[in-house]
Amino acid sequence: MNRQFQKPVKAYFKKKGLPEAPALTFADVVIRDNFSEIASRSDIRNLETKVAKNIALRIPIVSANMDTVTDAGMAITLARLGGLGFIHQFFSLEERVEEVKKVKRADNALIEKPVVVLDHATLGDAKEQMRKYSISSILVIDQLNHLKGILTSRDYRFITDDSVPVTKVMKPMPLITAAPGVTQSEAEATFEKHKLEKLPIIDENGIVMGLMSAKDLIKTRAFPNAARDENGNLLVGAALRLNAEYLQEAELLLAAGSDVLLLDTARANSKRVRDAVKAVKCRFPEVQLVVGNIDTPEAAAMLIAAGADGLKVGIGPGSACKTRDATGVGIPQVTAIVSCAAIAKSSDVPIIADGGIKCGADLSKALVAGAQSVMVGSLFAGTDESPGEVFRDANQQWKMYRGSASAEHQFDRIESGSLDAMRAPEGVPRRVAYTGPVKGVVDELLGGLRSSMSYVGAHDVNEFEKFGTFVWQAVSGYEEGKPKG
């Protein structure tokens, strides 16, 4: 270890009650219980945390940027539950942009960039846009972005000729509108008074500045714990490909509304990644950029110095990853988290513990070790919200889950043109049991976390890390703690 990191790393290991060697993972440690004044785990309501310096979540869970885990459907549901989904990088750039837009439009109180159609368009043009974004109405504007009217599905219900000009079918101005800065309560009063579904936001010159939806305002009430931006839109992250176009990707994903970007590669402790982080932060200084994966304090310090706003820790702990088996590289996860947290905490850079999360105990141990959130892959791959179809075998339902470096995944990437040649596989495909809605999985994880926090006497995630310490256990101790059949 670099000498300059020895003192803070040694001190943090000591605080956690752990040896620096041998390296330990979740099964090797237990959390020490403390005297607690918390009467019940149900009393613990605050699970707020950060996934990047300026991105706050309501729960410490994010979904993996894997093609069998996170698309817009997963990201929407997880954000409504208080977490965050990272749209995976194996979509094309155009697809990632559209997935981000789907999340930002899912149930937002204010749509800053509503879907529009020009006033010289046909009804067919408008219907195609509405199908593309799964919406039931669309604003009609002129080339200077002045509002000319609104088209809803009711307006063309009995019209079969798609060549009709949209201006012949739409409801024209004047319409009931609101000015920029309208509050949710003011918008709700307008919806109620005029029995509206949509409320265009226009400035004094009639230029479209946004759109509010009655249905979306109701949805914001239905998900009070949702992770949202300052405009009430669901939070979403998106992954960048580490290729020649990553700056262009960053620009378009940010323009689409991505709240945080993820520069994700199996080997982030490298000059290539360091240079990319610097370039992204130089070009987009306000971007929130999470970088991974790493497992050493030296790597954490290097990426923080380059400008990373969050770090993803874990090389080889995932159930579909065979990096350690193939390369012999990768530090067991608890030691990796503690090593990186010892450096990251002084810079207020959050850590995502990526891989190996099988239950609430693993989530709890990751947070005590110094992570602010965990990235979940296989546990979410079997849910309704993950991409892919459910199939049946031996009277049980399954879905497929595969590592991003698996041979099967590489073949698909070669076919799509995003990978030039096969590499030695460091991931494997496997099936996972179908588990129904992701909410059930999240609730079980958080139930275990709340119980663990009550044992430690922690009222929130910060106190959990502050008060939580470990005891190293032998294999027999781990076996002792498992349920007996």
Protein backbone atom coordinates (compact mmCIF):
# COMPACT_ATOMS: atom_id res chain seq x y z
CA MET A 1 0.00 0.00 0.00
CA ASN A 2 1.15 3.52 -0.77
CA ARG A 3 2.66 4.97 2.41
CA GLN A 4 0.51 8.13 2.37
CA PHE A 5 -2.66 6.00 2.70
CA GLN A 6 -1.41 3.72 5.45
CA LYS A 7 -2.40 5.91 8.39
CA PRO A 8 -6.05 6.68 7.45
CA VAL A 9 -6.65 3.14 6.19
CA LYS A 10 -5.17 1.58 9.33
CA ALA A 11 -7.26 3.90 11.51
CA TYR A 12 -10.50 3.10 9.68
CA PHE A 13 -9.88 -0.66 9.82
CA LYS A 14 -9.29 -0.32 13.55
CA LYS A 15 -12.50 1.69 13.98
CA LYS A 16 -14.43 -1.06 12.20
CA GLY A 17 -12.88 -3.77 14.38
CA LEU A 18 -11.26 -5.51 11.43
CA PRO A 19 -7.79 -6.78 10.55
CA GLU A 20 -6.15 -5.38 7.42
CA ALA A 21 -5.24 -8.95 6.51
CA PRO A 22 -6.51 -11.44 5.65
CA ALA A 23 -9.08 -9.83 3.34
CA LEU A 24 -12.67 -10.50 4.37
CA THR A 25 -16.08 -10.62 2.73
CA PHE A 26 -19.66 -10.55 4.03
CA ALA A 27 -19.72 -14.13 5.32
CA ASP A 28 -16.51 -13.54 7.28
CA VAL A 29 -17.93 -10.84 9.57
CA VAL A 30 -20.88 -10.11 11.83
CA ILE A 31 -22.06 -6.72 13.06
CA ARG A 32 -21.60 -6.19 16.80
CA ASP A 33 -24.83 -5.26 18.59
CA ASN A 34 -24.85 -2.15 20.81
CA PHE A 35 -27.08 -0.88 23.58
CA SER A 36 -30.09 0.55 21.76
CA GLU A 37 -32.93 2.87 22.73
CA ILE A 38 -34.85 2.01 19.55
CA ALA A 39 -38.03 0.18 20.54
CA SER A 40 -38.85 -1.33 17.14
CA ARG A 41 -37.41 -1.43 13.64
CA SER A 42 -40.63 0.24 12.47
CA ASP A 43 -39.44 3.36 14.31
CA ILE A 44 -36.57 3.69 11.80
CA ARG A 45 -37.96 5.73 8.92
CA ASN A 46 -34.97 7.71 7.69
CA LEU A 47 -32.89 5.69 5.21
CA GLU A 48 -31.73 8.69 3.19
CA THR A 49 -28.28 8.54 1.64
CA LYS A 50 -26.27 9.74 -1.35
CA VAL A 51 -25.19 8.02 -4.53
CA ALA A 52 -23.00 10.95 -5.62
CA LYS A 53 -21.96 14.18 -3.92
CA ASN A 54 -25.11 16.05 -4.98
CA ILE A 55 -27.55 13.20 -5.62
CA ALA A 56 -29.63 12.16 -2.63
CA LEU A 57 -31.74 8.99 -2.43
CA ARG A 58 -34.46 7.96 0.00
CA ILE A 59 -33.17 4.37 0.27
CA PRO A 60 -29.60 3.01 -0.14
CA ILE A 61 -30.32 0.79 -3.14
CA VAL A 62 -29.46 1.20 -6.84
CA SER A 63 -29.96 -1.29 -9.67
CA ALA A 64 -27.09 -2.66 -11.71
CA ASN A 65 -26.35 -1.28 -15.18
CA MET A 66 -26.75 -4.73 -16.74
CA ASP A 67 -28.86 -5.61 -19.76
CA THR A 68 -30.81 -8.22 -17.79
CA VAL A 69 -31.47 -5.82 -14.90
CA THR A 70 -32.07 -2.16 -15.71
CA ASP A 71 -34.05 -0.47 -18.43
CA ALA A 72 -36.61 2.34 -18.00
CA GLY A 73 -39.14 0.01 -16.38
CA MET A 74 -36.77 -0.96 -13.56
CA ALA A 75 -35.50 2.61 -13.16
CA ILE A 76 -39.03 4.02 -12.86
CA THR A 77 -40.15 1.52 -10.24
CA LEU A 78 -36.96 1.78 -8.18
CA ALA A 79 -37.04 5.60 -8.21
CA ARG A 80 -40.66 5.50 -7.03
CA LEU A 81 -39.49 3.34 -4.13
CA GLY A 82 -36.75 5.86 -3.28
CA GLY A 83 -33.74 4.35 -5.06
CA LEU A 84 -32.12 4.78 -8.46
CA GLY A 85 -31.68 2.77 -11.63
CA PHE A 86 -28.70 3.06 -13.97
CA ILE A 87 -29.75 2.55 -17.61
CA HIS A 88 -27.25 0.03 -18.95
CA GLN A 89 -24.56 0.92 -21.50
CA PHE A 90 -25.35 -1.95 -23.85
CA PHE A 91 -28.26 -0.06 -25.35
CA SER A 92 -27.23 2.10 -28.28
CA LEU A 93 -26.77 5.77 -27.42
CA GLU A 94 -30.10 6.60 -29.04
CA GLU A 95 -31.83 3.89 -27.01
CA ARG A 96 -30.26 5.10 -23.76
CA VAL A 97 -31.42 8.64 -24.49
CA GLU A 98 -34.97 7.39 -25.03
CA GLU A 99 -34.88 5.23 -21.88
CA VAL A 100 -33.78 8.24 -19.81
CA LYS A 101 -36.59 10.33 -21.29
CA LYS A 102 -39.14 7.63 -20.42
CA VAL A 103 -38.08 7.79 -16.77
CA LYS A 104 -38.13 11.59 -16.61
CA ARG A 105 -41.63 11.64 -18.11
CA ALA A 106 -42.99 8.76 -16.03
CA ASP A 107 -44.89 10.74 -13.35
CA ASN A 108 -43.29 14.12 -13.21
CA ALA A 109 -45.05 17.10 -11.73
CA LEU A 110 -43.46 19.35 -14.36
CA ILE A 111 -42.31 18.21 -17.79
CA GLU A 112 -39.69 20.78 -18.75
CA LYS A 113 -39.32 19.47 -22.31
CA PRO A 114 -42.72 18.10 -23.32
CA VAL A 115 -43.21 16.13 -26.51
CA VAL A 116 -44.37 18.51 -29.25
CA VAL A 117 -45.27 18.45 -32.94
CA LEU A 118 -45.03 21.31 -35.42
CA ASP A 119 -48.20 22.89 -36.76
CA HIS A 120 -47.49 21.75 -40.32
CA ALA A 121 -47.47 18.09 -39.25
CA THR A 122 -50.17 15.58 -40.10
CA LEU A 123 -52.34 13.64 -37.70
CA GLY A 124 -50.25 10.57 -38.54
CA ASP A 125 -47.06 12.41 -37.51
CA ALA A 126 -48.62 13.37 -34.18
CA LYS A 127 -49.95 9.86 -33.51
CA GLU A 128 -46.51 8.38 -34.19
CA GLN A 129 -44.92 10.68 -31.61
CA MET A 130 -47.62 9.82 -29.10
CA ARG A 131 -47.09 6.09 -29.66
CA LYS A 132 -43.32 6.50 -29.36
CA TYR A 133 -43.53 8.12 -25.93
CA SER A 134 -46.67 6.30 -24.71
CA ILE A 135 -48.60 9.54 -24.18
CA SER A 136 -52.25 10.42 -24.85
CA SER A 137 -51.83 14.09 -25.82
CA ILE A 138 -49.31 16.32 -27.53
CA LEU A 139 -48.69 20.06 -27.78
CA VAL A 140 -48.75 21.69 -31.21
CA ILE A 141 -46.27 24.54 -31.75
CA ASP A 142 -44.96 26.73 -34.55
CA GLN A 143 -41.30 26.90 -35.54
CA LEU A 144 -40.65 29.60 -32.91
CA ASN A 145 -42.03 27.33 -30.14
CA HIS A 146 -45.26 29.32 -29.72
CA LEU A 147 -48.16 27.20 -28.49
CA LYS A 148 -50.80 26.79 -31.21
CA GLY A 149 -52.96 24.09 -29.67
CA ILE A 150 -53.17 20.67 -28.04
CA LEU A 151 -54.13 17.32 -29.53
CA THR A 152 -55.61 14.56 -27.38
CA SER A 153 -56.74 11.05 -28.24
CA ARG A 154 -60.34 12.18 -27.88
CA ASP A 155 -59.87 14.68 -30.70
CA TYR A 156 -59.16 12.04 -33.36
CA ARG A 157 -61.04 9.06 -31.94
CA PHE A 158 -63.22 8.65 -35.05
CA ILE A 159 -60.82 10.06 -37.69
CA THR A 160 -59.29 7.38 -39.93
CA ASP A 161 -57.40 9.64 -42.36
CA ASP A 162 -53.88 10.17 -40.95
CA SER A 163 -53.05 12.71 -43.68
CA VAL A 164 -55.35 15.32 -42.13
CA PRO A 165 -53.36 18.37 -40.90
CA VAL A 166 -53.01 18.30 -37.14
CA THR A 167 -54.31 21.91 -37.01
CA LYS A 168 -57.68 20.68 -38.32
CA VAL A 169 -58.07 18.25 -35.42
CA MET A 170 -56.42 19.90 -32.39
CA LYS A 171 -58.00 22.19 -29.81
CA PRO A 172 -56.57 25.59 -30.85
CA MET A 173 -55.51 28.51 -28.72
CA PRO A 174 -56.71 30.14 -26.55
CA LEU A 175 -56.32 27.35 -24.01
CA ILE A 176 -56.19 27.28 -20.22
CA THR A 177 -52.48 27.70 -19.46
CA ALA A 178 -50.20 28.63 -16.57
CA ALA A 179 -47.12 30.80 -16.24
CA PRO A 180 -43.63 29.52 -15.36
CA GLY A 181 -43.22 29.08 -11.63
CA VAL A 182 -46.73 27.77 -11.01
CA THR A 183 -46.81 25.64 -7.87
CA GLN A 184 -48.27 22.15 -7.61
CA SER A 185 -51.11 23.38 -5.40
CA GLU A 186 -51.95 26.16 -7.90
CA ALA A 187 -51.88 23.65 -10.74
CA GLU A 188 -54.14 21.26 -8.81
CA ALA A 189 -56.66 24.08 -8.26
CA THR A 190 -56.63 24.87 -12.00
CA PHE A 191 -57.11 21.22 -12.93
CA GLU A 192 -60.07 20.96 -10.55
CA LYS A 193 -61.71 24.23 -11.57
CA HIS A 194 -61.53 23.65 -15.34
CA LYS A 195 -61.72 19.82 -15.34
CA LEU A 196 -58.46 19.57 -17.29
CA GLU A 197 -56.00 16.73 -17.83
CA LYS A 198 -53.08 18.78 -19.19
CA LEU A 199 -51.85 22.26 -18.31
CA PRO A 200 -49.37 23.87 -20.75
CA ILE A 201 -46.84 26.25 -19.20
CA ILE A 202 -46.14 29.28 -21.43
CA ASP A 203 -44.35 32.58 -20.90
CA GLU A 204 -45.71 36.06 -21.62
CA ASN A 205 -44.87 35.62 -25.31
CA GLY A 206 -46.74 32.36 -25.66
CA ILE A 207 -43.58 30.23 -25.84
CA VAL A 208 -43.90 26.73 -24.40
CA MET A 209 -41.89 26.35 -21.18
CA GLY A 210 -43.29 23.06 -19.94
CA LEU A 211 -46.35 20.94 -19.27
CA MET A 212 -48.14 19.66 -16.17
CA SER A 213 -50.38 16.60 -16.06
CA ALA A 214 -53.19 15.95 -13.61
CA LYS A 215 -52.49 12.22 -13.72
CA ASP A 216 -48.80 12.80 -12.90
CA LEU A 217 -49.64 15.09 -9.99
CA ILE A 218 -51.78 12.29 -8.57
CA LYS A 219 -48.89 9.86 -9.04
CA THR A 220 -46.54 12.08 -7.06
CA ARG A 221 -48.93 11.69 -4.13
CA ALA A 222 -49.04 7.92 -4.63
CA PHE A 223 -45.25 7.62 -4.21
CA PRO A 224 -44.35 9.97 -1.33
CA ASN A 225 -40.96 8.29 -0.79
CA ALA A 226 -39.87 8.58 -4.43
CA ALA A 227 -36.41 9.86 -5.36
CA ARG A 228 -37.07 13.03 -7.36
CA ASP A 229 -35.23 16.02 -8.74
CA GLU A 230 -36.03 19.63 -7.86
CA ASN A 231 -38.85 19.68 -10.43
CA GLY A 232 -40.52 16.58 -9.03
CA ASN A 233 -39.27 14.26 -11.79
CA LEU A 234 -37.99 10.78 -10.97
CA LEU A 235 -34.22 10.45 -10.66
CA VAL A 236 -32.38 8.30 -13.20
CA GLY A 237 -28.77 7.44 -13.97
CA ALA A 238 -27.20 6.33 -17.23
CA ALA A 239 -24.00 4.50 -18.05
CA LEU A 240 -21.36 5.71 -20.48
CA ARG A 241 -19.39 3.49 -22.79
CA LEU A 242 -15.68 4.02 -22.45
CA ASN A 243 -15.09 4.60 -26.16
CA ALA A 244 -14.07 7.39 -28.48
CA GLU A 245 -17.53 9.01 -28.26
CA TYR A 246 -17.96 9.12 -24.48
CA LEU A 247 -18.04 12.94 -24.37
CA GLN A 248 -20.79 13.02 -26.98
CA GLU A 249 -22.63 10.32 -25.04
CA ALA A 250 -22.36 12.38 -21.87
CA GLU A 251 -23.70 15.48 -23.61
CA LEU A 252 -26.75 13.73 -25.06
CA LEU A 253 -27.58 11.76 -21.92
CA LEU A 254 -27.40 14.92 -19.80
CA ALA A 255 -29.57 16.76 -22.32
CA ALA A 256 -32.11 13.93 -22.08
CA GLY A 257 -32.32 14.50 -18.32
CA SER A 258 -29.96 11.98 -16.74
CA ASP A 259 -29.26 13.11 -13.17
CA VAL A 260 -26.04 11.15 -12.74
CA LEU A 261 -23.68 9.45 -15.17
CA LEU A 262 -21.80 6.21 -14.54
CA LEU A 263 -18.42 5.58 -16.14
CA ASP A 264 -18.29 1.85 -15.65
CA THR A 265 -15.49 -0.55 -16.49
CA ALA A 266 -14.09 -3.68 -14.88
CA ARG A 267 -10.72 -1.98 -14.37
CA ALA A 268 -11.11 1.64 -13.31
CA ASN A 269 -7.68 1.89 -11.67
CA SER A 270 -6.13 2.93 -14.97
CA LYS A 271 -4.78 5.91 -16.87
CA ARG A 272 -7.49 5.52 -19.47
CA VAL A 273 -10.29 5.89 -16.92
CA ARG A 274 -8.52 8.69 -15.03
CA ASP A 275 -8.15 10.67 -18.26
CA ALA A 276 -11.79 10.07 -19.17
CA VAL A 277 -12.98 11.31 -15.76
CA LYS A 278 -10.92 14.47 -16.14
CA ALA A 279 -12.25 15.04 -19.66
CA VAL A 280 -15.90 14.59 -18.66
CA LYS A 281 -15.57 16.89 -15.63
CA CYS A 282 -13.71 19.49 -17.68
CA ARG A 283 -16.37 19.51 -20.39
CA PHE A 284 -19.32 19.25 -18.00
CA PRO A 285 -18.16 20.61 -14.62
CA GLU A 286 -21.64 20.36 -13.03
CA VAL A 287 -22.18 16.70 -13.95
CA GLN A 288 -22.48 14.15 -11.16
CA LEU A 289 -20.13 11.35 -12.23
CA VAL A 290 -19.86 7.94 -10.56
CA VAL A 291 -16.83 5.85 -11.54
CA GLY A 292 -15.99 2.19 -11.05
CA ASN A 293 -15.02 -0.46 -10.41
CA ILE A 294 -12.17 -0.34 -7.90
CA ASP A 295 -11.09 -2.09 -4.68
CA THR A 296 -8.03 -0.23 -3.31
CA PRO A 297 -7.42 3.06 -1.48
CA GLU A 298 -4.91 4.13 -4.14
CA ALA A 299 -7.57 3.78 -6.84
CA ALA A 300 -10.09 5.69 -4.74
CA ALA A 301 -7.66 8.57 -4.20
CA MET A 302 -6.71 8.69 -7.88
CA LEU A 303 -10.33 8.86 -9.12
CA ILE A 304 -11.35 11.41 -6.49
CA ALA A 305 -8.43 13.62 -7.53
CA ALA A 306 -9.54 13.26 -11.15
CA GLY A 307 -13.02 14.54 -10.24
CA ALA A 308 -15.23 11.52 -9.44
CA ASP A 309 -18.37 12.39 -7.47
CA GLY A 310 -19.05 8.78 -6.48
CA LEU A 311 -17.15 5.50 -6.52
CA LYS A 312 -18.31 1.98 -7.35
CA VAL A 313 -16.41 -0.64 -5.37
CA GLY A 314 -16.17 -4.34 -6.14
CA ILE A 315 -14.03 -6.50 -8.41
CA GLY A 316 -15.42 -9.99 -8.76
CA PRO A 317 -17.98 -10.37 -5.93
CA GLY A 318 -21.05 -10.59 -8.17
CA SER A 319 -22.81 -13.93 -8.65
CA ALA A 320 -22.48 -13.74 -12.46
CA CYS A 321 -18.85 -12.55 -12.37
CA LYS A 322 -15.85 -14.85 -12.80
CA THR A 323 -13.13 -12.18 -12.77
CA ARG A 324 -11.41 -13.65 -9.73
CA ASP A 325 -11.69 -17.16 -11.08
CA ALA A 326 -10.33 -16.12 -14.49
CA THR A 327 -7.66 -13.59 -13.43
CA GLY A 328 -6.92 -14.11 -9.75
CA VAL A 329 -7.58 -10.37 -9.20
CA GLY A 330 -10.12 -8.89 -6.78
CA ILE A 331 -10.15 -8.12 -3.06
CA PRO A 332 -12.97 -9.64 -0.94
CA GLN A 333 -15.78 -7.15 -0.66
CA VAL A 334 -15.82 -6.03 3.00
CA THR A 335 -12.08 -5.32 2.95
CA ALA A 336 -12.44 -3.56 -0.42
CA ILE A 337 -15.23 -1.29 0.88
CA VAL A 338 -13.38 -0.41 4.10
CA SER A 339 -10.15 0.30 2.18
CA CYS A 340 -11.85 2.68 -0.24
CA ALA A 341 -14.12 4.29 2.36
CA ALA A 342 -11.10 5.19 4.47
CA ILE A 343 -10.06 7.56 1.67
CA ALA A 344 -13.44 8.57 0.22
CA LYS A 345 -15.02 9.71 3.49
CA SER A 346 -12.60 12.62 3.91
CA SER A 347 -13.64 13.95 0.50
CA ASP A 348 -17.39 13.36 1.04
CA VAL A 349 -17.45 11.04 -1.97
CA PRO A 350 -20.10 8.31 -1.61
CA ILE A 351 -19.35 4.65 -2.28
CA ILE A 352 -21.64 2.17 -4.01
CA ALA A 353 -20.88 -1.41 -2.96
CA ASP A 354 -21.30 -3.39 -6.16
CA GLY A 355 -21.78 -7.14 -6.01
CA GLY A 356 -22.41 -9.95 -3.57
CA ILE A 357 -25.66 -8.60 -2.11
CA LYS A 358 -27.83 -11.64 -1.42
CA CYS A 359 -29.91 -10.49 1.56
CA GLY A 360 -30.52 -7.72 4.08
CA ALA A 361 -27.49 -8.82 6.11
CA ASP A 362 -25.16 -8.13 3.17
CA LEU A 363 -26.74 -4.72 2.62
CA SER A 364 -26.28 -3.92 6.31
CA LYS A 365 -22.66 -5.07 6.37
CA ALA A 366 -21.85 -3.01 3.26
CA LEU A 367 -23.21 0.16 4.90
CA VAL A 368 -21.40 -0.47 8.19
CA ALA A 369 -18.20 -0.99 6.18
CA GLY A 370 -18.53 2.51 4.74
CA ALA A 371 -20.68 2.29 1.60
CA GLN A 372 -23.58 4.73 1.22
CA SER A 373 -25.57 2.41 -1.05
CA VAL A 374 -25.43 -1.00 -2.68
CA MET A 375 -25.84 -2.00 -6.32
CA VAL A 376 -28.14 -4.97 -6.80
CA GLY A 377 -28.04 -7.27 -9.82
CA SER A 378 -29.11 -10.90 -9.48
CA LEU A 379 -31.77 -10.22 -6.82
CA PHE A 380 -33.50 -7.83 -9.23
CA ALA A 381 -32.96 -9.90 -12.39
CA GLY A 382 -35.81 -12.24 -11.49
CA THR A 383 -38.40 -9.49 -10.95
CA ASP A 384 -41.23 -8.27 -13.16
CA GLU A 385 -39.43 -5.01 -13.87
CA SER A 386 -36.20 -6.50 -15.25
CA PRO A 387 -35.88 -6.89 -19.04
CA GLY A 388 -36.48 -10.34 -20.50
CA GLU A 389 -39.22 -12.92 -20.50
CA VAL A 390 -40.26 -15.34 -17.78
CA PHE A 391 -39.90 -19.00 -18.79
CA ARG A 392 -40.92 -22.22 -17.10
CA ASP A 393 -38.76 -25.27 -16.40
CA ALA A 394 -39.38 -28.16 -13.99
CA ASN A 395 -42.58 -26.54 -12.73
CA GLN A 396 -40.77 -23.35 -11.73
CA GLN A 397 -40.59 -19.92 -13.34
CA TRP A 398 -37.25 -18.35 -14.22
CA LYS A 399 -35.59 -15.36 -15.91
CA MET A 400 -32.10 -15.08 -17.37
CA TYR A 401 -29.25 -13.15 -15.77
CA ARG A 402 -25.78 -12.75 -17.24
CA GLY A 403 -22.54 -11.00 -16.45
CA SER A 404 -21.55 -8.08 -18.66
CA ALA A 405 -18.33 -9.87 -19.65
CA SER A 406 -19.94 -13.26 -20.35
CA ALA A 407 -19.27 -14.92 -23.71
CA GLU A 408 -22.97 -14.72 -24.62
CA HIS A 409 -23.08 -11.01 -23.86
CA GLN A 410 -19.93 -10.40 -25.91
CA PHE A 411 -21.44 -12.19 -28.92
CA ASP A 412 -24.46 -9.87 -28.76
CA ARG A 413 -22.19 -6.82 -28.54
CA ILE A 414 -20.16 -7.96 -31.56
CA GLU A 415 -23.39 -8.36 -33.54
CA SER A 416 -24.48 -4.85 -32.56
CA GLY A 417 -21.06 -3.40 -33.43
CA SER A 418 -20.19 -2.27 -29.89
CA LEU A 419 -17.35 -4.78 -29.45
CA ASP A 420 -14.61 -5.56 -31.95
CA ALA A 421 -13.47 -8.99 -30.83
CA MET A 422 -14.03 -11.65 -28.17
CA ARG A 423 -12.08 -11.45 -24.93
CA ALA A 424 -11.58 -14.10 -22.31
CA PRO A 425 -14.99 -14.26 -20.56
CA GLU A 426 -15.13 -12.86 -17.02
CA GLY A 427 -18.85 -13.38 -16.55
CA VAL A 428 -21.32 -16.23 -16.80
CA PRO A 429 -25.02 -16.50 -17.72
CA ARG A 430 -27.41 -18.24 -15.38
CA ARG A 431 -31.08 -18.42 -14.66
CA VAL A 432 -32.60 -16.86 -11.57
CA ALA A 433 -35.92 -17.68 -9.97
CA TYR A 434 -38.81 -15.43 -10.93
CA THR A 435 -39.70 -13.39 -7.83
CA GLY A 436 -42.54 -11.07 -8.89
CA PRO A 437 -42.54 -7.29 -8.31
CA VAL A 438 -39.24 -5.67 -7.36
CA LYS A 439 -40.99 -3.92 -4.46
CA GLY A 440 -41.13 -7.23 -2.61
CA VAL A 441 -37.36 -7.69 -2.94
CA VAL A 442 -36.68 -4.10 -1.85
CA ASP A 443 -39.02 -4.39 1.14
CA GLU A 444 -37.25 -7.55 2.32
CA LEU A 445 -33.81 -5.93 2.00
CA LEU A 446 -34.92 -2.82 3.86
CA GLY A 447 -36.65 -4.87 6.54
CA GLY A 448 -33.35 -6.60 7.29
CA LEU A 449 -31.53 -3.26 7.25
CA ARG A 450 -33.94 -1.64 9.71
CA SER A 451 -33.61 -4.57 12.08
CA SER A 452 -29.83 -4.38 11.88
CA MET A 453 -29.93 -0.63 12.57
CA SER A 454 -32.11 -1.24 15.64
CA TYR A 455 -29.50 -3.69 17.00
CA VAL A 456 -26.76 -1.10 16.52
CA GLY A 457 -28.84 1.78 17.91
CA ALA A 458 -28.72 3.81 14.70
CA HIS A 459 -31.56 6.11 13.66
CA ASP A 460 -30.24 6.76 10.15
CA VAL A 461 -27.66 5.52 7.64
CA ASN A 462 -24.96 7.93 8.83
CA GLU A 463 -25.32 6.77 12.44
CA PHE A 464 -25.28 3.15 11.26
CA GLU A 465 -21.82 3.62 9.74
CA LYS A 466 -20.67 5.69 12.73
CA PHE A 467 -21.79 3.24 15.43
CA GLY A 468 -21.44 -0.02 13.52
CA THR A 469 -18.42 -2.27 14.02
CA PHE A 470 -17.58 -5.84 13.05
CA VAL A 471 -16.41 -9.06 14.67
CA TRP A 472 -14.44 -11.45 12.51
CA GLN A 473 -16.03 -14.91 12.47
CA ALA A 474 -14.79 -18.37 11.54
CA VAL A 475 -16.55 -20.60 9.02
CA SER A 476 -18.17 -22.52 11.86
CA GLY A 477 -19.59 -19.26 13.18
CA TYR A 478 -21.10 -18.47 9.79
CA GLU A 479 -22.63 -21.96 9.61
CA GLU A 480 -23.98 -21.57 13.14
CA GLY A 481 -25.89 -18.47 12.14
CA LYS A 482 -27.63 -20.07 9.13
CA PRO A 483 -31.19 -21.39 9.47
CA LYS A 484 -31.36 -25.11 10.17
CA GLY A 485 -33.77 -27.29 8.25
